[in-house]
Amino acid sequence: MKTIGIVTSGGDAPGMNAAIRAVTRIANSRNIGVIGFEKGWEGVLTNKHRHLTARSVGGIIQLGGTILHTSRSLDFKKDDCLQQAADNLNTLGVEGLVVIGGDGSFRAALDLSKKSKALMVGIPATIDNDVYGTDETIGFDTAVNTAVAEIDKIRDTAISHERIFIVEVMGRKRGFLAVTVGLTIGAEVILVPEDKCKMDHVVSIVKENARKGKKAGIIVAAEGCGNVSEIAKEIEEKTGSEVRLSILGYAQRGGSPTARSRLLASLFAEKAVDLLCQGKGNTVVVLQNGVVAYTELETACCGTKPLDPNLMKLAETLAT
């Protein structure tokens, strides 16, 4: 293999730059050239790219975001656009493409693989941690730590004013971030998209805590669990407690990646280059029971990663 490409697609995640750096340097060490496509799939479609070297990726391991930039391209779903992207890869001599992103990025890679001879290898990087087949994704640990640091500060205010705070974290469709954050900050209630919000249950917890003398509290809610403003209003009306809402927003996607996110990026990158050198395309690098392995790209795209119910039960037990 002489040339591989890198694309970062979808939502950015802390550690993407660490992955770009590692893929580039590992490939260069094996005399493989590296091309970085800019602005996600849009760059592959428009052939906007740059050559990456060990020196050009220096000083980026600690940076959040992605130096290649990213976007979501609706055009990439069109058959003629996929063919154009495949032609561009062929013209540039790209024999393998490393796709750094989440499940949406991998579905696009799977579609492209049907048009292109280039081998596709995915590196899971998303703060949602929802890629099927891997226990953890690049950026998840960083997002958790970012949210935990902010909520710890919010709890100080909650205790001082004896208020209930609902803190919304990211997670439009999945609650992995909310569960891990909620458990690690000691949330009284965790709300996730996978389990419809039962207001009577939430209200009963708040009332029972007040009866015990626990007037302050934190409710962690994934953004996909419902209208948090309405939830806050209903809790206030039915319990008499002061309820405030705090939305953490895009801060969770930015910032310097943690050591854990950087480590995963480096390990995943090494495996990705290994797979390409072995001719194993249409794969996704994964972490399973502490071991870096790989799964089929189609499997990662079609499967649904289950939320661990044991974490929810543990959070409920610890919140009493």
C-alpha atoms as a PDB file:
ATOM      1  CA  MET A   1       0.000   0.000   0.000  1.00  0.00           C
ATOM      2  CA  LYS A   2       1.410   3.361  -1.064  1.00  0.00           C
ATOM      3  CA  THR A   3      -1.241   5.929  -0.148  1.00  0.00           C
ATOM      4  CA  ILE A   4      -4.028   6.136   2.409  1.00  0.00           C
ATOM      5  CA  GLY A   5      -6.543   8.894   3.066  1.00  0.00           C
ATOM      6  CA  ILE A   6      -8.019  10.258   6.284  1.00  0.00           C
ATOM      7  CA  VAL A   7     -11.419  11.864   6.702  1.00  0.00           C
ATOM      8  CA  THR A   8     -13.038  13.194   9.888  1.00  0.00           C
ATOM      9  CA  SER A   9     -16.790  13.289   9.527  1.00  0.00           C
ATOM     10  CA  GLY A  10     -19.916  14.175  11.507  1.00  0.00           C
ATOM     11  CA  GLY A  11     -19.742  15.769  14.936  1.00  0.00           C
ATOM     12  CA  ASP A  12     -16.262  16.544  16.215  1.00  0.00           C
ATOM     13  CA  ALA A  13     -14.902  14.675  19.212  1.00  0.00           C
ATOM     14  CA  PRO A  14     -11.857  15.368  21.413  1.00  0.00           C
ATOM     15  CA  GLY A  15      -9.092  13.046  20.276  1.00  0.00           C
ATOM     16  CA  MET A  16      -9.737  13.244  16.542  1.00  0.00           C
ATOM     17  CA  ASN A  17      -6.510  15.191  16.107  1.00  0.00           C
ATOM     18  CA  ALA A  18      -4.625  12.612  18.139  1.00  0.00           C
ATOM     19  CA  ALA A  19      -5.972   9.951  15.763  1.00  0.00           C
ATOM     20  CA  ILE A  20      -4.985  11.981  12.675  1.00  0.00           C
ATOM     21  CA  ARG A  21      -1.490  12.382  14.094  1.00  0.00           C
ATOM     22  CA  ALA A  22      -1.107   8.707  14.941  1.00  0.00           C
ATOM     23  CA  VAL A  23      -2.425   7.406  11.596  1.00  0.00           C
ATOM     24  CA  THR A  24      -0.106   9.759   9.720  1.00  0.00           C
ATOM     25  CA  ARG A  25       3.029   8.954  11.678  1.00  0.00           C
ATOM     26  CA  ILE A  26       2.444   5.204  11.763  1.00  0.00           C
ATOM     27  CA  ALA A  27       1.747   5.160   8.027  1.00  0.00           C
ATOM     28  CA  ASN A  28       4.809   7.310   7.287  1.00  0.00           C
ATOM     29  CA  SER A  29       6.978   4.958   9.337  1.00  0.00           C
ATOM     30  CA  ARG A  30       5.940   2.234   6.877  1.00  0.00           C
ATOM     31  CA  ASN A  31       6.666   4.402   3.825  1.00  0.00           C
ATOM     32  CA  ILE A  32       2.969   5.031   3.164  1.00  0.00           C
ATOM     33  CA  GLY A  33       1.860   8.473   2.027  1.00  0.00           C
ATOM     34  CA  VAL A  34      -1.114  10.132   3.721  1.00  0.00           C
ATOM     35  CA  ILE A  35      -3.743  12.457   2.279  1.00  0.00           C
ATOM     36  CA  GLY A  36      -6.127  14.337   4.574  1.00  0.00           C
ATOM     37  CA  PHE A  37      -9.502  15.293   3.137  1.00  0.00           C
ATOM     38  CA  GLU A  38     -10.922  18.571   4.394  1.00  0.00           C
ATOM     39  CA  LYS A  39     -14.422  19.257   5.768  1.00  0.00           C
ATOM     40  CA  GLY A  40     -15.464  15.624   6.046  1.00  0.00           C
ATOM     41  CA  TRP A  41     -17.102  13.847   3.135  1.00  0.00           C
ATOM     42  CA  GLU A  42     -17.411  17.184   1.366  1.00  0.00           C
ATOM     43  CA  GLY A  43     -13.646  17.128   0.887  1.00  0.00           C
ATOM     44  CA  VAL A  44     -13.739  13.648  -0.626  1.00  0.00           C
ATOM     45  CA  LEU A  45     -16.546  14.757  -2.935  1.00  0.00           C
ATOM     46  CA  THR A  46     -14.869  17.993  -4.057  1.00  0.00           C
ATOM     47  CA  ASN A  47     -11.343  16.548  -3.951  1.00  0.00           C
ATOM     48  CA  LYS A  48     -10.210  19.153  -1.431  1.00  0.00           C
ATOM     49  CA  HIS A  49      -7.255  17.641   0.363  1.00  0.00           C
ATOM     50  CA  ARG A  50      -3.771  18.154   1.716  1.00  0.00           C
ATOM     51  CA  HIS A  51      -0.760  15.891   2.106  1.00  0.00           C
ATOM     52  CA  LEU A  52       0.010  15.036   5.720  1.00  0.00           C
ATOM     53  CA  THR A  53       3.487  14.325   7.071  1.00  0.00           C
ATOM     54  CA  ALA A  54       4.962  13.542  10.458  1.00  0.00           C
ATOM     55  CA  ARG A  55       5.926  17.197  10.777  1.00  0.00           C
ATOM     56  CA  SER A  56       2.613  18.680   9.611  1.00  0.00           C
ATOM     57  CA  VAL A  57       0.753  16.809  12.354  1.00  0.00           C
ATOM     58  CA  GLY A  58       3.153  17.914  15.080  1.00  0.00           C
ATOM     59  CA  GLY A  59       1.740  19.784  18.084  1.00  0.00           C
ATOM     60  CA  ILE A  60      -1.869  18.672  17.597  1.00  0.00           C
ATOM     61  CA  ILE A  61      -2.222  15.736  20.008  1.00  0.00           C
ATOM     62  CA  GLN A  62      -3.530  18.043  22.752  1.00  0.00           C
ATOM     63  CA  LEU A  63      -5.962  19.978  20.540  1.00  0.00           C
ATOM     64  CA  GLY A  64      -9.703  19.429  20.517  1.00  0.00           C
ATOM     65  CA  GLY A  65     -11.709  19.402  17.298  1.00  0.00           C
ATOM     66  CA  THR A  66     -10.085  18.344  14.026  1.00  0.00           C
ATOM     67  CA  ILE A  67      -7.459  20.149  11.948  1.00  0.00           C
ATOM     68  CA  LEU A  68      -9.096  18.658   8.852  1.00  0.00           C
ATOM     69  CA  HIS A  69     -12.436  20.210   9.841  1.00  0.00           C
ATOM     70  CA  THR A  70     -15.707  18.343   9.496  1.00  0.00           C
ATOM     71  CA  SER A  71     -19.218  18.688   8.136  1.00  0.00           C
ATOM     72  CA  ARG A  72     -22.342  16.722   7.323  1.00  0.00           C
ATOM     73  CA  SER A  73     -22.905  16.360   3.579  1.00  0.00           C
ATOM     74  CA  LEU A  74     -26.389  15.429   2.393  1.00  0.00           C
ATOM     75  CA  ASP A  75     -25.075  15.255  -1.186  1.00  0.00           C
ATOM     76  CA  PHE A  76     -22.944  12.294  -0.208  1.00  0.00           C
ATOM     77  CA  LYS A  77     -26.079  10.159  -0.038  1.00  0.00           C
ATOM     78  CA  LYS A  78     -26.665  10.585  -3.764  1.00  0.00           C
ATOM     79  CA  ASP A  79     -25.499   7.833  -6.100  1.00  0.00           C
ATOM     80  CA  ASP A  80     -23.730  10.148  -8.561  1.00  0.00           C
ATOM     81  CA  CYS A  81     -21.918  11.906  -5.721  1.00  0.00           C
ATOM     82  CA  LEU A  82     -20.693   8.601  -4.324  1.00  0.00           C
ATOM     83  CA  GLN A  83     -19.340   7.728  -7.745  1.00  0.00           C
ATOM     84  CA  GLN A  84     -17.583  11.100  -7.966  1.00  0.00           C
ATOM     85  CA  ALA A  85     -15.999  10.515  -4.562  1.00  0.00           C
ATOM     86  CA  ALA A  86     -14.868   7.041  -5.652  1.00  0.00           C
ATOM     87  CA  ASP A  87     -13.350   8.499  -8.828  1.00  0.00           C
ATOM     88  CA  ASN A  88     -11.471  11.103  -6.773  1.00  0.00           C
ATOM     89  CA  LEU A  89      -9.977   8.432  -4.529  1.00  0.00           C
ATOM     90  CA  ASN A  90      -8.907   6.471  -7.568  1.00  0.00           C
ATOM     91  CA  THR A  91      -7.340   9.522  -9.250  1.00  0.00           C
ATOM     92  CA  LEU A  92      -5.320  10.289  -6.119  1.00  0.00           C
ATOM     93  CA  GLY A  93      -4.214   6.671  -5.800  1.00  0.00           C
ATOM     94  CA  VAL A  94      -5.838   6.269  -2.391  1.00  0.00           C
ATOM     95  CA  GLU A  95      -5.866   2.547  -1.667  1.00  0.00           C
ATOM     96  CA  GLY A  96      -7.236   2.777   1.861  1.00  0.00           C
ATOM     97  CA  LEU A  97      -9.436   5.351   3.616  1.00  0.00           C
ATOM     98  CA  VAL A  98      -9.457   5.819   7.389  1.00  0.00           C
ATOM     99  CA  VAL A  99     -12.817   7.234   8.456  1.00  0.00           C
ATOM    100  CA  ILE A 100     -12.760   8.891  11.881  1.00  0.00           C
ATOM    101  CA  GLY A 101     -16.280   9.470  13.176  1.00  0.00           C
ATOM    102  CA  GLY A 102     -19.489   7.855  14.385  1.00  0.00           C
ATOM    103  CA  ASP A 103     -22.154   5.554  12.996  1.00  0.00           C
ATOM    104  CA  GLY A 104     -23.351   8.067  10.396  1.00  0.00           C
ATOM    105  CA  SER A 105     -19.821   8.401   9.046  1.00  0.00           C
ATOM    106  CA  PHE A 106     -19.497   4.626   8.875  1.00  0.00           C
ATOM    107  CA  ARG A 107     -22.760   4.248   6.968  1.00  0.00           C
ATOM    108  CA  ALA A 108     -21.413   6.712   4.394  1.00  0.00           C
ATOM    109  CA  ALA A 109     -18.172   4.698   4.225  1.00  0.00           C
ATOM    110  CA  LEU A 110     -20.184   1.531   3.651  1.00  0.00           C
ATOM    111  CA  ASP A 111     -22.056   3.203   0.783  1.00  0.00           C
ATOM    112  CA  LEU A 112     -18.802   4.473  -0.712  1.00  0.00           C
ATOM    113  CA  SER A 113     -17.241   1.015  -0.491  1.00  0.00           C
ATOM    114  CA  LYS A 114     -19.792  -0.205  -3.034  1.00  0.00           C
ATOM    115  CA  LYS A 115     -18.417   2.284  -5.564  1.00  0.00           C
ATOM    116  CA  SER A 116     -14.730   2.405  -4.669  1.00  0.00           C
ATOM    117  CA  LYS A 117     -11.900  -0.123  -4.670  1.00  0.00           C
ATOM    118  CA  ALA A 118     -10.307   1.667  -1.718  1.00  0.00           C
ATOM    119  CA  LEU A 119     -10.353  -0.269   1.550  1.00  0.00           C
ATOM    120  CA  MET A 120     -12.476   1.397   4.256  1.00  0.00           C
ATOM    121  CA  VAL A 121     -11.474   1.274   7.925  1.00  0.00           C
ATOM    122  CA  GLY A 122     -13.423   3.142  10.597  1.00  0.00           C
ATOM    123  CA  ILE A 123     -12.066   4.621  13.812  1.00  0.00           C
ATOM    124  CA  PRO A 124     -14.954   5.303  16.222  1.00  0.00           C
ATOM    125  CA  ALA A 125     -14.794   8.878  17.492  1.00  0.00           C
ATOM    126  CA  THR A 126     -17.954  10.339  19.023  1.00  0.00           C
ATOM    127  CA  ILE A 127     -18.848  11.660  22.458  1.00  0.00           C
ATOM    128  CA  ASP A 128     -22.133   9.717  22.269  1.00  0.00           C
ATOM    129  CA  ASN A 129     -20.274   6.380  22.639  1.00  0.00           C
ATOM    130  CA  ASP A 130     -23.027   4.739  20.597  1.00  0.00           C
ATOM    131  CA  VAL A 131     -21.045   2.839  17.939  1.00  0.00           C
ATOM    132  CA  TYR A 132     -22.099  -0.794  17.932  1.00  0.00           C
ATOM    133  CA  GLY A 133     -19.359  -3.316  18.670  1.00  0.00           C
ATOM    134  CA  THR A 134     -17.023  -1.118  20.715  1.00  0.00           C
ATOM    135  CA  ASP A 135     -17.061  -0.599  24.459  1.00  0.00           C
ATOM    136  CA  GLU A 136     -15.741   2.938  24.100  1.00  0.00           C
ATOM    137  CA  THR A 137     -15.224   5.608  21.462  1.00  0.00           C
ATOM    138  CA  ILE A 138     -12.606   8.327  21.168  1.00  0.00           C
ATOM    139  CA  GLY A 139     -13.812  11.509  22.884  1.00  0.00           C
ATOM    140  CA  PHE A 140     -16.320   9.896  25.234  1.00  0.00           C
ATOM    141  CA  ASP A 141     -14.060  10.034  28.282  1.00  0.00           C
ATOM    142  CA  THR A 142     -13.241  13.687  27.598  1.00  0.00           C
ATOM    143  CA  ALA A 143     -16.913  14.637  27.255  1.00  0.00           C
ATOM    144  CA  VAL A 144     -17.741  12.842  30.500  1.00  0.00           C
ATOM    145  CA  ASN A 145     -14.989  14.665  32.365  1.00  0.00           C
ATOM    146  CA  THR A 146     -16.049  18.019  30.888  1.00  0.00           C
ATOM    147  CA  ALA A 147     -19.632  17.499  32.018  1.00  0.00           C
ATOM    148  CA  VAL A 148     -18.613  16.224  35.457  1.00  0.00           C
ATOM    149  CA  ALA A 149     -16.421  19.285  36.082  1.00  0.00           C
ATOM    150  CA  GLU A 150     -19.273  21.654  35.205  1.00  0.00           C
ATOM    151  CA  ILE A 151     -21.939  19.788  37.172  1.00  0.00           C
ATOM    152  CA  ASP A 152     -19.739  19.670  40.278  1.00  0.00           C
ATOM    153  CA  LYS A 153     -19.793  23.483  40.193  1.00  0.00           C
ATOM    154  CA  ILE A 154     -23.544  23.549  39.649  1.00  0.00           C
ATOM    155  CA  ARG A 155     -24.077  21.328  42.680  1.00  0.00           C
ATOM    156  CA  ASP A 156     -22.340  23.928  44.857  1.00  0.00           C
ATOM    157  CA  THR A 157     -25.020  26.423  43.848  1.00  0.00           C
ATOM    158  CA  ALA A 158     -27.792  23.833  44.187  1.00  0.00           C
ATOM    159  CA  ILE A 159     -26.782  23.122  47.787  1.00  0.00           C
ATOM    160  CA  SER A 160     -26.322  26.785  48.669  1.00  0.00           C
ATOM    161  CA  HIS A 161     -29.806  27.720  47.451  1.00  0.00           C
ATOM    162  CA  GLU A 162     -31.498  24.387  48.222  1.00  0.00           C
ATOM    163  CA  ARG A 163     -32.586  23.979  44.617  1.00  0.00           C
ATOM    164  CA  ILE A 164     -33.086  21.161  42.160  1.00  0.00           C
ATOM    165  CA  PHE A 165     -31.043  21.552  38.987  1.00  0.00           C
ATOM    166  CA  ILE A 166     -31.820  19.745  35.758  1.00  0.00           C
ATOM    167  CA  VAL A 167     -28.622  19.567  33.720  1.00  0.00           C
ATOM    168  CA  GLU A 168     -29.009  18.656  30.065  1.00  0.00           C
ATOM    169  CA  VAL A 169     -26.114  16.815  28.456  1.00  0.00           C
ATOM    170  CA  MET A 170     -25.762  15.743  24.834  1.00  0.00           C
ATOM    171  CA  GLY A 171     -27.434  12.609  23.534  1.00  0.00           C
ATOM    172  CA  ARG A 172     -30.266  13.114  21.055  1.00  0.00           C
ATOM    173  CA  LYS A 173     -30.906   9.416  20.578  1.00  0.00           C
ATOM    174  CA  ARG A 174     -28.774   7.577  23.125  1.00  0.00           C
ATOM    175  CA  GLY A 175     -28.125   7.990  26.837  1.00  0.00           C
ATOM    176  CA  PHE A 176     -24.595   6.649  27.301  1.00  0.00           C
ATOM    177  CA  LEU A 177     -23.196  10.062  28.199  1.00  0.00           C
ATOM    178  CA  ALA A 178     -26.068  10.890  30.564  1.00  0.00           C
ATOM    179  CA  VAL A 179     -25.789   7.577  32.432  1.00  0.00           C
ATOM    180  CA  THR A 180     -22.034   7.764  32.934  1.00  0.00           C
ATOM    181  CA  VAL A 181     -22.132  11.433  33.915  1.00  0.00           C
ATOM    182  CA  GLY A 182     -25.127  10.932  36.190  1.00  0.00           C
ATOM    183  CA  LEU A 183     -23.523   8.009  37.967  1.00  0.00           C
ATOM    184  CA  THR A 184     -20.203   9.755  38.483  1.00  0.00           C
ATOM    185  CA  ILE A 185     -21.630  13.034  39.816  1.00  0.00           C
ATOM    186  CA  GLY A 186     -24.141  11.326  42.097  1.00  0.00           C
ATOM    187  CA  ALA A 187     -27.301  12.461  40.310  1.00  0.00           C
ATOM    188  CA  GLU A 188     -30.597  11.865  42.072  1.00  0.00           C
ATOM    189  CA  VAL A 189     -32.296  11.101  38.732  1.00  0.00           C
ATOM    190  CA  ILE A 190     -31.007  10.224  35.252  1.00  0.00           C
ATOM    191  CA  LEU A 191     -33.237  10.671  32.207  1.00  0.00           C
ATOM    192  CA  VAL A 192     -32.370   8.955  28.911  1.00  0.00           C
ATOM    193  CA  PRO A 193     -34.052   8.633  25.479  1.00  0.00           C
ATOM    194  CA  GLU A 194     -34.163   4.833  25.780  1.00  0.00           C
ATOM    195  CA  ASP A 195     -36.537   5.025  28.750  1.00  0.00           C
ATOM    196  CA  LYS A 196     -39.484   7.412  28.471  1.00  0.00           C
ATOM    197  CA  CYS A 197     -39.560   9.955  31.285  1.00  0.00           C
ATOM    198  CA  LYS A 198     -42.061   8.888  33.955  1.00  0.00           C
ATOM    199  CA  MET A 199     -42.899  12.154  35.683  1.00  0.00           C
ATOM    200  CA  ASP A 200     -44.731  10.520  38.578  1.00  0.00           C
ATOM    201  CA  HIS A 201     -41.589   8.554  39.402  1.00  0.00           C
ATOM    202  CA  VAL A 202     -39.343  11.617  39.163  1.00  0.00           C
ATOM    203  CA  VAL A 203     -41.708  13.675  41.323  1.00  0.00           C
ATOM    204  CA  SER A 204     -41.897  10.934  43.944  1.00  0.00           C
ATOM    205  CA  ILE A 205     -38.081  10.821  44.185  1.00  0.00           C
ATOM    206  CA  VAL A 206     -37.851  14.596  44.644  1.00  0.00           C
ATOM    207  CA  LYS A 207     -40.594  14.541  47.292  1.00  0.00           C
ATOM    208  CA  GLU A 208     -39.035  11.606  49.136  1.00  0.00           C
ATOM    209  CA  ASN A 209     -35.650  13.331  49.164  1.00  0.00           C
ATOM    210  CA  ALA A 210     -37.261  16.485  50.565  1.00  0.00           C
ATOM    211  CA  ARG A 211     -38.927  14.398  53.292  1.00  0.00           C
ATOM    212  CA  LYS A 212     -35.481  13.091  54.238  1.00  0.00           C
ATOM    213  CA  GLY A 213     -34.185  16.665  54.421  1.00  0.00           C
ATOM    214  CA  LYS A 214     -32.448  16.518  51.086  1.00  0.00           C
ATOM    215  CA  LYS A 215     -33.670  19.733  49.461  1.00  0.00           C
ATOM    216  CA  ALA A 216     -30.950  20.108  46.803  1.00  0.00           C
ATOM    217  CA  GLY A 217     -30.405  17.732  43.936  1.00  0.00           C
ATOM    218  CA  ILE A 218     -29.165  17.156  40.415  1.00  0.00           C
ATOM    219  CA  ILE A 219     -31.158  15.578  37.601  1.00  0.00           C
ATOM    220  CA  VAL A 220     -29.049  14.673  34.566  1.00  0.00           C
ATOM    221  CA  ALA A 221     -31.061  14.544  31.335  1.00  0.00           C
ATOM    222  CA  ALA A 222     -29.952  13.535  27.856  1.00  0.00           C
ATOM    223  CA  GLU A 223     -31.174  16.082  25.303  1.00  0.00           C
ATOM    224  CA  GLY A 224     -33.287  13.430  23.593  1.00  0.00           C
ATOM    225  CA  CYS A 225     -35.339  12.553  26.670  1.00  0.00           C
ATOM    226  CA  GLY A 226     -37.897  15.313  26.092  1.00  0.00           C
ATOM    227  CA  ASN A 227     -38.493  19.019  26.629  1.00  0.00           C
ATOM    228  CA  VAL A 228     -36.405  19.728  29.723  1.00  0.00           C
ATOM    229  CA  SER A 229     -38.004  23.141  30.234  1.00  0.00           C
ATOM    230  CA  GLU A 230     -41.415  21.523  30.560  1.00  0.00           C
ATOM    231  CA  ILE A 231     -40.000  18.797  32.783  1.00  0.00           C
ATOM    232  CA  ALA A 232     -38.476  21.426  35.079  1.00  0.00           C
ATOM    233  CA  LYS A 233     -41.738  23.368  35.234  1.00  0.00           C
ATOM    234  CA  GLU A 234     -43.779  20.265  36.057  1.00  0.00           C
ATOM    235  CA  ILE A 235     -41.414  19.157  38.815  1.00  0.00           C
ATOM    236  CA  GLU A 236     -41.555  22.622  40.363  1.00  0.00           C
ATOM    237  CA  GLU A 237     -45.356  22.707  40.234  1.00  0.00           C
ATOM    238  CA  LYS A 238     -45.829  19.237  41.696  1.00  0.00           C
ATOM    239  CA  THR A 239     -43.164  19.353  44.422  1.00  0.00           C
ATOM    240  CA  GLY A 240     -42.943  23.001  45.453  1.00  0.00           C
ATOM    241  CA  SER A 241     -39.170  22.844  45.047  1.00  0.00           C
ATOM    242  CA  GLU A 242     -37.196  25.519  43.245  1.00  0.00           C
ATOM    243  CA  VAL A 243     -36.053  24.016  39.949  1.00  0.00           C
ATOM    244  CA  ARG A 244     -33.469  25.494  37.604  1.00  0.00           C
ATOM    245  CA  LEU A 245     -32.275  24.346  34.196  1.00  0.00           C
ATOM    246  CA  SER A 246     -28.710  24.312  32.900  1.00  0.00           C
ATOM    247  CA  ILE A 247     -27.821  23.181  29.366  1.00  0.00           C
ATOM    248  CA  LEU A 248     -24.148  22.281  28.926  1.00  0.00           C
ATOM    249  CA  GLY A 249     -24.352  22.255  25.122  1.00  0.00           C
ATOM    250  CA  TYR A 250     -21.418  22.157  22.742  1.00  0.00           C
ATOM    251  CA  ALA A 251     -18.792  22.636  25.439  1.00  0.00           C
ATOM    252  CA  GLN A 252     -18.924  18.859  25.822  1.00  0.00           C
ATOM    253  CA  ARG A 253     -17.587  18.349  22.296  1.00  0.00           C
ATOM    254  CA  GLY A 254     -14.608  20.654  22.659  1.00  0.00           C
ATOM    255  CA  GLY A 255     -11.558  21.019  24.816  1.00  0.00           C
ATOM    256  CA  SER A 256      -8.259  19.224  25.149  1.00  0.00           C
ATOM    257  CA  PRO A 257      -8.704  15.433  25.043  1.00  0.00           C
ATOM    258  CA  THR A 258      -8.020  13.488  28.216  1.00  0.00           C
ATOM    259  CA  ALA A 259      -5.151  11.039  28.435  1.00  0.00           C
ATOM    260  CA  ARG A 260      -7.704   8.248  27.961  1.00  0.00           C
ATOM    261  CA  SER A 261      -9.030   9.720  24.712  1.00  0.00           C
ATOM    262  CA  ARG A 262      -5.484  10.271  23.416  1.00  0.00           C
ATOM    263  CA  LEU A 263      -4.510   6.721  24.297  1.00  0.00           C
ATOM    264  CA  LEU A 264      -7.508   5.225  22.498  1.00  0.00           C
ATOM    265  CA  ALA A 265      -6.805   7.426  19.473  1.00  0.00           C
ATOM    266  CA  SER A 266      -3.243   6.140  19.257  1.00  0.00           C
ATOM    267  CA  LEU A 267      -4.183   2.485  19.765  1.00  0.00           C
ATOM    268  CA  PHE A 268      -7.086   2.658  17.315  1.00  0.00           C
ATOM    269  CA  ALA A 269      -4.882   4.371  14.716  1.00  0.00           C
ATOM    270  CA  GLU A 270      -2.232   1.667  14.951  1.00  0.00           C
ATOM    271  CA  LYS A 271      -4.860  -1.030  14.453  1.00  0.00           C
ATOM    272  CA  ALA A 272      -6.413   0.846  11.517  1.00  0.00           C
ATOM    273  CA  VAL A 273      -3.092   1.054   9.657  1.00  0.00           C
ATOM    274  CA  ASP A 274      -2.404  -2.615  10.453  1.00  0.00           C
ATOM    275  CA  LEU A 275      -5.769  -3.618   8.963  1.00  0.00           C
ATOM    276  CA  LEU A 276      -5.105  -1.649   5.777  1.00  0.00           C
ATOM    277  CA  CYS A 277      -1.642  -3.158   5.397  1.00  0.00           C
ATOM    278  CA  GLN A 278      -3.201  -6.608   5.816  1.00  0.00           C
ATOM    279  CA  GLY A 279      -5.780  -5.860   3.131  1.00  0.00           C
ATOM    280  CA  LYS A 280      -8.698  -6.027   5.560  1.00  0.00           C
ATOM    281  CA  GLY A 281     -11.165  -3.405   4.368  1.00  0.00           C
ATOM    282  CA  ASN A 282     -14.761  -2.677   5.358  1.00  0.00           C
ATOM    283  CA  THR A 283     -13.837  -2.925   9.017  1.00  0.00           C
ATOM    284  CA  VAL A 284     -14.133  -0.799  12.148  1.00  0.00           C
ATOM    285  CA  VAL A 285     -11.571  -0.732  14.945  1.00  0.00           C
ATOM    286  CA  VAL A 286     -13.184  -1.495  18.307  1.00  0.00           C
ATOM    287  CA  LEU A 287     -12.370  -1.937  21.976  1.00  0.00           C
ATOM    288  CA  GLN A 288     -13.816  -5.124  23.454  1.00  0.00           C
ATOM    289  CA  ASN A 289     -13.115  -6.138  27.042  1.00  0.00           C
ATOM    290  CA  GLY A 290      -9.958  -4.047  27.081  1.00  0.00           C
ATOM    291  CA  VAL A 291      -8.590  -5.475  23.819  1.00  0.00           C
ATOM    292  CA  VAL A 292      -8.282  -3.489  20.578  1.00  0.00           C
ATOM    293  CA  ALA A 293      -9.874  -5.580  17.837  1.00  0.00           C
ATOM    294  CA  TYR A 294     -12.068  -5.028  14.796  1.00  0.00           C
ATOM    295  CA  THR A 295     -15.540  -5.779  13.524  1.00  0.00           C
ATOM    296  CA  GLU A 296     -17.141  -5.678  10.103  1.00  0.00           C
ATOM    297  CA  LEU A 297     -18.191  -2.238   8.874  1.00  0.00           C
ATOM    298  CA  GLU A 298     -21.675  -3.457   8.001  1.00  0.00           C
ATOM    299  CA  THR A 299     -22.075  -4.976  11.480  1.00  0.00           C
ATOM    300  CA  ALA A 300     -21.118  -1.673  13.125  1.00  0.00           C
ATOM    301  CA  CYS A 301     -23.599   0.178  10.903  1.00  0.00           C
ATOM    302  CA  CYS A 302     -26.548  -2.156  11.404  1.00  0.00           C
ATOM    303  CA  GLY A 303     -26.250  -3.047  15.090  1.00  0.00           C
ATOM    304  CA  THR A 304     -27.702  -1.122  18.022  1.00  0.00           C
ATOM    305  CA  LYS A 305     -25.483  -0.792  21.068  1.00  0.00           C
ATOM    306  CA  PRO A 306     -27.424  -1.561  24.261  1.00  0.00           C
ATOM    307  CA  LEU A 307     -27.422   0.732  27.276  1.00  0.00           C
ATOM    308  CA  ASP A 308     -26.110  -1.035  30.372  1.00  0.00           C
ATOM    309  CA  PRO A 309     -29.097  -1.370  32.759  1.00  0.00           C
ATOM    310  CA  ASN A 310     -26.746  -2.247  35.614  1.00  0.00           C
ATOM    311  CA  LEU A 311     -25.281   1.258  35.534  1.00  0.00           C
ATOM    312  CA  MET A 312     -28.766   2.754  35.872  1.00  0.00           C
ATOM    313  CA  LYS A 313     -29.553   0.466  38.809  1.00  0.00           C
ATOM    314  CA  LEU A 314     -26.268   1.323  40.494  1.00  0.00           C
ATOM    315  CA  ALA A 315     -26.921   5.040  40.039  1.00  0.00           C
ATOM    316  CA  GLU A 316     -30.362   4.665  41.623  1.00  0.00           C
ATOM    317  CA  THR A 317     -28.908   2.743  44.574  1.00  0.00           C
ATOM    318  CA  LEU A 318     -26.183   5.285  45.183  1.00  0.00           C
ATOM    319  CA  ALA A 319     -28.634   8.210  44.968  1.00  0.00           C
ATOM    320  CA  THR A 320     -30.696   7.096  47.989  1.00  0.00           C
END
